[in-house]
């Protein structure tokens, strides 16, 4: 969106340059207008550079978030598996008899 706005402002600035070249203005001298337009062009170029840097920074941040999401999903799956195993390994409330242990081994298998 920012890039689109900058493109629109660049077109407006170009139109202003053309208008100045063809018409001039009674309010300011042509030299003053040219100087002001040059300042605006420098400001626009500076903003374009800042947007480019911001875009690169945002790409890096997006890649880091993707890596985080992948690792988080993996850890979440491992945690779920761990909790399931813990739940399956709990004694069933019966005494730790040989029969209860055999039943638990069957459940785990």
C-alpha atoms as a PDB file:
ATOM      1  CA  UNK A   1       0.000   0.000   0.000  1.00  0.00           C
ATOM      2  CA  UNK A   2       2.827   2.341   0.903  1.00  0.00           C
ATOM      3  CA  UNK A   3       4.570   1.601  -2.378  1.00  0.00           C
ATOM      4  CA  UNK A   4       1.357   2.364  -4.280  1.00  0.00           C
ATOM      5  CA  UNK A   5       1.011   5.684  -2.468  1.00  0.00           C
ATOM      6  CA  UNK A   6       4.628   6.540  -3.282  1.00  0.00           C
ATOM      7  CA  UNK A   7       4.041   5.748  -6.942  1.00  0.00           C
ATOM      8  CA  UNK A   8       0.998   8.030  -6.974  1.00  0.00           C
ATOM      9  CA  UNK A   9       2.959  10.829  -5.280  1.00  0.00           C
ATOM     10  CA  UNK A  10       5.795  10.388  -7.780  1.00  0.00           C
ATOM     11  CA  UNK A  11       3.342  10.843 -10.642  1.00  0.00           C
ATOM     12  CA  UNK A  12       1.964  13.960  -8.966  1.00  0.00           C
ATOM     13  CA  UNK A  13       5.489  15.305  -8.542  1.00  0.00           C
ATOM     14  CA  UNK A  14       6.268  14.624 -12.207  1.00  0.00           C
ATOM     15  CA  UNK A  15       3.090  16.439 -13.215  1.00  0.00           C
ATOM     16  CA  UNK A  16       4.132  19.369 -11.033  1.00  0.00           C
ATOM     17  CA  UNK A  17       7.535  19.478 -12.740  1.00  0.00           C
ATOM     18  CA  UNK A  18       5.896  19.493 -16.150  1.00  0.00           C
ATOM     19  CA  UNK A  19       3.443  22.169 -15.091  1.00  0.00           C
ATOM     20  CA  UNK A  20       6.288  24.325 -13.780  1.00  0.00           C
ATOM     21  CA  UNK A  21       8.243  23.886 -16.991  1.00  0.00           C
ATOM     22  CA  UNK A  22       5.323  24.928 -19.142  1.00  0.00           C
ATOM     23  CA  UNK A  23       3.497  27.550 -17.042  1.00  0.00           C
ATOM     24  CA  UNK A  24       5.491  28.914 -14.160  1.00  0.00           C
ATOM     25  CA  UNK A  25       3.723  30.702 -11.313  1.00  0.00           C
ATOM     26  CA  UNK A  26       3.291  34.276 -10.245  1.00  0.00           C
ATOM     27  CA  UNK A  27       3.431  33.347  -6.539  1.00  0.00           C
ATOM     28  CA  UNK A  28       7.052  32.147  -6.531  1.00  0.00           C
ATOM     29  CA  UNK A  29       9.984  32.603  -8.809  1.00  0.00           C
ATOM     30  CA  UNK A  30      10.732  29.675 -11.132  1.00  0.00           C
ATOM     31  CA  UNK A  31      14.050  29.158  -9.320  1.00  0.00           C
ATOM     32  CA  UNK A  32      12.298  28.902  -5.936  1.00  0.00           C
ATOM     33  CA  UNK A  33       9.775  26.474  -7.367  1.00  0.00           C
ATOM     34  CA  UNK A  34      12.511  24.357  -8.937  1.00  0.00           C
ATOM     35  CA  UNK A  35      14.379  24.301  -5.633  1.00  0.00           C
ATOM     36  CA  UNK A  36      11.246  23.244  -3.766  1.00  0.00           C
ATOM     37  CA  UNK A  37      10.517  20.507  -6.302  1.00  0.00           C
ATOM     38  CA  UNK A  38      14.109  19.257  -5.983  1.00  0.00           C
ATOM     39  CA  UNK A  39      13.669  19.114  -2.196  1.00  0.00           C
ATOM     40  CA  UNK A  40      10.438  17.159  -2.642  1.00  0.00           C
ATOM     41  CA  UNK A  41      12.202  14.736  -4.988  1.00  0.00           C
ATOM     42  CA  UNK A  42      14.961  14.185  -2.428  1.00  0.00           C
ATOM     43  CA  UNK A  43      12.383  13.587   0.289  1.00  0.00           C
ATOM     44  CA  UNK A  44      10.539  11.123  -1.952  1.00  0.00           C
ATOM     45  CA  UNK A  45      13.771   9.250  -2.727  1.00  0.00           C
ATOM     46  CA  UNK A  46      14.571   9.090   0.981  1.00  0.00           C
ATOM     47  CA  UNK A  47      11.130   7.670   1.719  1.00  0.00           C
ATOM     48  CA  UNK A  48      11.484   5.123  -1.085  1.00  0.00           C
ATOM     49  CA  UNK A  49      14.780   3.964   0.451  1.00  0.00           C
ATOM     50  CA  UNK A  50      13.195   3.736   3.893  1.00  0.00           C
ATOM     51  CA  UNK A  51      10.309   1.685   2.496  1.00  0.00           C
ATOM     52  CA  UNK A  52      12.783  -0.653   0.804  1.00  0.00           C
ATOM     53  CA  UNK A  53      14.646  -1.142   4.082  1.00  0.00           C
ATOM     54  CA  UNK A  54      11.378  -1.672   5.931  1.00  0.00           C
ATOM     55  CA  UNK A  55      10.274  -4.244   3.382  1.00  0.00           C
ATOM     56  CA  UNK A  56      13.545  -6.186   3.781  1.00  0.00           C
ATOM     57  CA  UNK A  57      13.229  -6.028   7.561  1.00  0.00           C
ATOM     58  CA  UNK A  58       9.631  -7.245   7.416  1.00  0.00           C
ATOM     59  CA  UNK A  59      10.666 -10.178   5.180  1.00  0.00           C
ATOM     60  CA  UNK A  60      13.239 -11.205   7.785  1.00  0.00           C
ATOM     61  CA  UNK A  61      10.697 -10.946  10.584  1.00  0.00           C
ATOM     62  CA  UNK A  62       8.182 -12.972   8.565  1.00  0.00           C
ATOM     63  CA  UNK A  63      10.752 -15.738   8.024  1.00  0.00           C
ATOM     64  CA  UNK A  64      11.511 -15.779  11.751  1.00  0.00           C
ATOM     65  CA  UNK A  65       7.799 -16.087  12.580  1.00  0.00           C
ATOM     66  CA  UNK A  66       7.454 -18.968  10.108  1.00  0.00           C
ATOM     67  CA  UNK A  67      10.351 -20.762  11.796  1.00  0.00           C
ATOM     68  CA  UNK A  68       8.762 -20.091  15.193  1.00  0.00           C
ATOM     69  CA  UNK A  69       5.414 -21.483  14.023  1.00  0.00           C
ATOM     70  CA  UNK A  70       7.058 -24.657  12.709  1.00  0.00           C
ATOM     71  CA  UNK A  71       9.009 -25.221  15.920  1.00  0.00           C
ATOM     72  CA  UNK A  72       5.949 -24.424  18.051  1.00  0.00           C
ATOM     73  CA  UNK A  73       3.871 -26.986  16.136  1.00  0.00           C
ATOM     74  CA  UNK A  74       6.586 -29.602  16.619  1.00  0.00           C
ATOM     75  CA  UNK A  75       6.889 -28.902  20.365  1.00  0.00           C
ATOM     76  CA  UNK A  76       3.119 -28.919  20.732  1.00  0.00           C
ATOM     77  CA  UNK A  77       2.911 -32.335  19.053  1.00  0.00           C
ATOM     78  CA  UNK A  78       5.709 -33.695  21.237  1.00  0.00           C
ATOM     79  CA  UNK A  79       3.972 -32.364  24.355  1.00  0.00           C
ATOM     80  CA  UNK A  80       0.703 -33.986  23.326  1.00  0.00           C
ATOM     81  CA  UNK A  81       2.465 -37.305  22.757  1.00  0.00           C
ATOM     82  CA  UNK A  82       4.227 -36.999  26.116  1.00  0.00           C
ATOM     83  CA  UNK A  83       0.956 -36.290  27.924  1.00  0.00           C
ATOM     84  CA  UNK A  84      -0.690 -39.246  26.185  1.00  0.00           C
ATOM     85  CA  UNK A  85       2.156 -41.555  27.253  1.00  0.00           C
ATOM     86  CA  UNK A  86       2.010 -40.283  30.817  1.00  0.00           C
ATOM     87  CA  UNK A  87      -1.737 -40.878  30.846  1.00  0.00           C
ATOM     88  CA  UNK A  88      -1.329 -44.411  29.520  1.00  0.00           C
ATOM     89  CA  UNK A  89       1.377 -45.244  32.068  1.00  0.00           C
ATOM     90  CA  UNK A  90      -0.688 -44.298  35.118  1.00  0.00           C
ATOM     91  CA  UNK A  91      -1.641 -47.190  37.331  1.00  0.00           C
ATOM     92  CA  UNK A  92      -5.291 -48.016  36.928  1.00  0.00           C
ATOM     93  CA  UNK A  93      -6.097 -47.657  40.617  1.00  0.00           C
ATOM     94  CA  UNK A  94      -5.664 -51.371  41.241  1.00  0.00           C
ATOM     95  CA  UNK A  95      -2.866 -52.683  43.354  1.00  0.00           C
ATOM     96  CA  UNK A  96       0.369 -53.220  41.492  1.00  0.00           C
ATOM     97  CA  UNK A  97      -0.314 -56.890  41.022  1.00  0.00           C
ATOM     98  CA  UNK A  98       1.155 -59.025  38.295  1.00  0.00           C
ATOM     99  CA  UNK A  99      -2.236 -59.151  36.603  1.00  0.00           C
ATOM    100  CA  UNK A 100      -2.589 -55.334  36.642  1.00  0.00           C
ATOM    101  CA  UNK A 101       0.882 -54.925  35.202  1.00  0.00           C
ATOM    102  CA  UNK A 102       0.121 -57.418  32.416  1.00  0.00           C
ATOM    103  CA  UNK A 103      -3.055 -55.496  31.613  1.00  0.00           C
ATOM    104  CA  UNK A 104      -1.113 -52.230  31.492  1.00  0.00           C
ATOM    105  CA  UNK A 105       1.500 -53.772  29.158  1.00  0.00           C
ATOM    106  CA  UNK A 106      -1.311 -54.918  26.832  1.00  0.00           C
ATOM    107  CA  UNK A 107      -2.795 -51.413  26.865  1.00  0.00           C
ATOM    108  CA  UNK A 108       0.547 -49.872  26.020  1.00  0.00           C
ATOM    109  CA  UNK A 109       1.153 -52.353  23.200  1.00  0.00           C
END
